[in-house]
Amino acid sequence: MSMLDWNNYRQQLAGRIGEIAKLSPDTIKGYQALSAAGQKSDLLGAKVRELIALAVSVSLRCDGCITVHTAAAVKHGATREEIAEALGVAVTINAGATLVYSSRVLDAHEQLINS
């Protein structure tokens, strides 16, 4: 049993983003320019870019990004195992960031008790 109907969600999202495009076309044009910028050089290739996008999507907790980039990753030949490896990188980076920010808490605490 699926957690969400990702295909339906992706279609709903496209519809809502279409509404935003009508209301604010320059916003969408700017987004599309950013999205296309990495594709021009194509040094990483579409599949690797989509795997990176999935790791970032999870880190940012963006369901819309997850559904769009999962579909694109599959379209570009990403396997379940490759996706899992990319997600493992996301888990590691997020855990590492938590450790870094934990050290900042200790630093703030030290400064507060010594001032």
C-alpha atoms as a PDB file:
ATOM      1  CA  MET A   1       0.000   0.000   0.000  1.00  0.00           C
ATOM      2  CA  SER A   2       1.367   3.385  -1.001  1.00  0.00           C
ATOM      3  CA  MET A   3       1.654   6.252   1.440  1.00  0.00           C
ATOM      4  CA  LEU A   4       0.404   8.731  -1.172  1.00  0.00           C
ATOM      5  CA  ASP A   5      -0.946   8.624  -4.707  1.00  0.00           C
ATOM      6  CA  TRP A   6       2.194  10.228  -6.110  1.00  0.00           C
ATOM      7  CA  ASN A   7       0.995  10.246  -9.724  1.00  0.00           C
ATOM      8  CA  ASN A   8      -2.215  12.050  -8.807  1.00  0.00           C
ATOM      9  CA  TYR A   9      -0.319  14.428  -6.522  1.00  0.00           C
ATOM     10  CA  ARG A  10       2.138  15.274  -9.328  1.00  0.00           C
ATOM     11  CA  GLN A  11      -0.802  16.051 -11.650  1.00  0.00           C
ATOM     12  CA  GLN A  12      -2.491  18.226  -9.014  1.00  0.00           C
ATOM     13  CA  LEU A  13       0.775  20.027  -8.379  1.00  0.00           C
ATOM     14  CA  ALA A  14       1.253  20.717 -12.093  1.00  0.00           C
ATOM     15  CA  GLY A  15      -2.217  22.226 -12.207  1.00  0.00           C
ATOM     16  CA  ARG A  16      -1.569  24.508  -9.247  1.00  0.00           C
ATOM     17  CA  ILE A  17       1.802  25.563 -10.602  1.00  0.00           C
ATOM     18  CA  GLY A  18       0.033  26.322 -13.876  1.00  0.00           C
ATOM     19  CA  GLU A  19      -2.206  28.695 -11.915  1.00  0.00           C
ATOM     20  CA  ILE A  20       0.862  30.374 -10.434  1.00  0.00           C
ATOM     21  CA  ALA A  21       2.322  30.675 -13.944  1.00  0.00           C
ATOM     22  CA  LYS A  22      -0.781  32.597 -15.053  1.00  0.00           C
ATOM     23  CA  LEU A  23      -0.655  34.863 -12.021  1.00  0.00           C
ATOM     24  CA  SER A  24       3.104  35.391 -12.012  1.00  0.00           C
ATOM     25  CA  PRO A  25       4.650  34.315 -15.330  1.00  0.00           C
ATOM     26  CA  ASP A  26       8.023  35.921 -14.620  1.00  0.00           C
ATOM     27  CA  THR A  27       8.411  33.822 -11.465  1.00  0.00           C
ATOM     28  CA  ILE A  28       7.951  30.630 -13.467  1.00  0.00           C
ATOM     29  CA  LYS A  29      10.233  31.877 -16.259  1.00  0.00           C
ATOM     30  CA  GLY A  30      12.935  32.585 -13.672  1.00  0.00           C
ATOM     31  CA  TYR A  31      12.501  29.137 -12.144  1.00  0.00           C
ATOM     32  CA  GLN A  32      12.698  27.509 -15.574  1.00  0.00           C
ATOM     33  CA  ALA A  33      15.899  29.453 -16.352  1.00  0.00           C
ATOM     34  CA  LEU A  34      17.481  28.183 -13.128  1.00  0.00           C
ATOM     35  CA  SER A  35      16.368  24.653 -13.876  1.00  0.00           C
ATOM     36  CA  ALA A  36      17.739  24.764 -17.422  1.00  0.00           C
ATOM     37  CA  ALA A  37      21.101  26.261 -16.423  1.00  0.00           C
ATOM     38  CA  GLY A  38      22.591  22.960 -15.228  1.00  0.00           C
ATOM     39  CA  GLN A  39      21.327  21.106 -18.242  1.00  0.00           C
ATOM     40  CA  LYS A  40      23.288  23.231 -20.704  1.00  0.00           C
ATOM     41  CA  SER A  41      26.737  21.894 -19.842  1.00  0.00           C
ATOM     42  CA  ASP A  42      25.391  18.401 -19.043  1.00  0.00           C
ATOM     43  CA  LEU A  43      28.631  17.481 -17.286  1.00  0.00           C
ATOM     44  CA  LEU A  44      26.848  15.343 -14.705  1.00  0.00           C
ATOM     45  CA  GLY A  45      24.200  13.900 -16.951  1.00  0.00           C
ATOM     46  CA  ALA A  46      20.468  13.915 -16.372  1.00  0.00           C
ATOM     47  CA  LYS A  47      20.374  10.817 -14.152  1.00  0.00           C
ATOM     48  CA  VAL A  48      23.020  12.098 -11.728  1.00  0.00           C
ATOM     49  CA  ARG A  49      21.356  15.538 -11.591  1.00  0.00           C
ATOM     50  CA  GLU A  50      18.050  13.847 -10.722  1.00  0.00           C
ATOM     51  CA  LEU A  51      19.689  11.704  -8.029  1.00  0.00           C
ATOM     52  CA  ILE A  52      21.169  14.863  -6.507  1.00  0.00           C
ATOM     53  CA  ALA A  53      17.764  16.517  -6.763  1.00  0.00           C
ATOM     54  CA  LEU A  54      16.217  13.606  -4.861  1.00  0.00           C
ATOM     55  CA  ALA A  55      18.773  13.877  -2.056  1.00  0.00           C
ATOM     56  CA  VAL A  56      18.092  17.606  -1.810  1.00  0.00           C
ATOM     57  CA  SER A  57      14.314  17.031  -2.023  1.00  0.00           C
ATOM     58  CA  VAL A  58      14.437  14.766   1.001  1.00  0.00           C
ATOM     59  CA  SER A  59      16.681  17.186   2.885  1.00  0.00           C
ATOM     60  CA  LEU A  60      14.265  20.044   2.190  1.00  0.00           C
ATOM     61  CA  ARG A  61      11.241  17.834   2.926  1.00  0.00           C
ATOM     62  CA  CYS A  62       9.539  18.790  -0.361  1.00  0.00           C
ATOM     63  CA  ASP A  63       6.918  16.261  -1.458  1.00  0.00           C
ATOM     64  CA  GLY A  64       6.436  18.069  -4.757  1.00  0.00           C
ATOM     65  CA  CYS A  65      10.155  17.846  -5.457  1.00  0.00           C
ATOM     66  CA  ILE A  66      10.135  14.174  -4.480  1.00  0.00           C
ATOM     67  CA  THR A  67       7.383  13.221  -6.932  1.00  0.00           C
ATOM     68  CA  VAL A  68       8.746  15.285  -9.834  1.00  0.00           C
ATOM     69  CA  HIS A  69      12.370  14.216  -9.428  1.00  0.00           C
ATOM     70  CA  THR A  70      11.541  10.559  -8.739  1.00  0.00           C
ATOM     71  CA  ALA A  71       9.642  10.426 -12.026  1.00  0.00           C
ATOM     72  CA  ALA A  72      12.517  12.182 -13.815  1.00  0.00           C
ATOM     73  CA  ALA A  73      15.135   9.915 -12.237  1.00  0.00           C
ATOM     74  CA  VAL A  74      13.235   6.819 -13.368  1.00  0.00           C
ATOM     75  CA  LYS A  75      12.823   8.341 -16.843  1.00  0.00           C
ATOM     76  CA  HIS A  76      16.604   8.767 -17.017  1.00  0.00           C
ATOM     77  CA  GLY A  77      17.265   5.183 -15.949  1.00  0.00           C
ATOM     78  CA  ALA A  78      17.892   5.485 -12.208  1.00  0.00           C
ATOM     79  CA  THR A  79      17.443   2.182 -10.415  1.00  0.00           C
ATOM     80  CA  ARG A  80      15.902   1.691  -6.989  1.00  0.00           C
ATOM     81  CA  GLU A  81      19.399   0.887  -5.681  1.00  0.00           C
ATOM     82  CA  GLU A  82      20.885   4.095  -7.119  1.00  0.00           C
ATOM     83  CA  ILE A  83      18.055   6.117  -5.622  1.00  0.00           C
ATOM     84  CA  ALA A  84      18.643   4.417  -2.257  1.00  0.00           C
ATOM     85  CA  GLU A  85      22.343   5.307  -2.424  1.00  0.00           C
ATOM     86  CA  ALA A  86      21.521   8.954  -3.187  1.00  0.00           C
ATOM     87  CA  LEU A  87      19.078   8.987  -0.271  1.00  0.00           C
ATOM     88  CA  GLY A  88      21.791   7.507   1.944  1.00  0.00           C
ATOM     89  CA  VAL A  89      23.936  10.527   1.103  1.00  0.00           C
ATOM     90  CA  ALA A  90      21.044  12.779   2.151  1.00  0.00           C
ATOM     91  CA  VAL A  91      20.707  10.941   5.468  1.00  0.00           C
ATOM     92  CA  THR A  92      24.446  11.245   6.101  1.00  0.00           C
ATOM     93  CA  ILE A  93      24.616  14.945   5.228  1.00  0.00           C
ATOM     94  CA  ASN A  94      21.602  15.731   7.387  1.00  0.00           C
ATOM     95  CA  ALA A  95      23.098  13.799  10.296  1.00  0.00           C
ATOM     96  CA  GLY A  96      26.399  15.616   9.788  1.00  0.00           C
ATOM     97  CA  ALA A  97      24.657  18.981   9.718  1.00  0.00           C
ATOM     98  CA  THR A  98      22.955  18.091  12.989  1.00  0.00           C
ATOM     99  CA  LEU A  99      26.344  17.346  14.533  1.00  0.00           C
ATOM    100  CA  VAL A 100      27.761  20.644  13.272  1.00  0.00           C
ATOM    101  CA  TYR A 101      24.820  22.583  14.689  1.00  0.00           C
ATOM    102  CA  SER A 102      25.038  20.618  17.921  1.00  0.00           C
ATOM    103  CA  SER A 103      28.578  21.939  18.324  1.00  0.00           C
ATOM    104  CA  ARG A 104      27.179  25.459  17.825  1.00  0.00           C
ATOM    105  CA  VAL A 105      24.739  24.869  20.708  1.00  0.00           C
ATOM    106  CA  LEU A 106      27.626  23.870  22.970  1.00  0.00           C
ATOM    107  CA  ASP A 107      29.555  26.936  21.815  1.00  0.00           C
ATOM    108  CA  ALA A 108      26.572  29.217  22.536  1.00  0.00           C
ATOM    109  CA  HIS A 109      26.087  27.577  25.921  1.00  0.00           C
ATOM    110  CA  GLU A 110      29.754  28.060  26.810  1.00  0.00           C
ATOM    111  CA  GLN A 111      29.631  31.718  25.795  1.00  0.00           C
ATOM    112  CA  LEU A 112      26.450  32.310  27.794  1.00  0.00           C
ATOM    113  CA  ILE A 113      27.731  30.786  31.017  1.00  0.00           C
ATOM    114  CA  ASN A 114      31.104  32.542  30.728  1.00  0.00           C
ATOM    115  CA  SER A 115      29.721  36.038  30.125  1.00  0.00           C
END
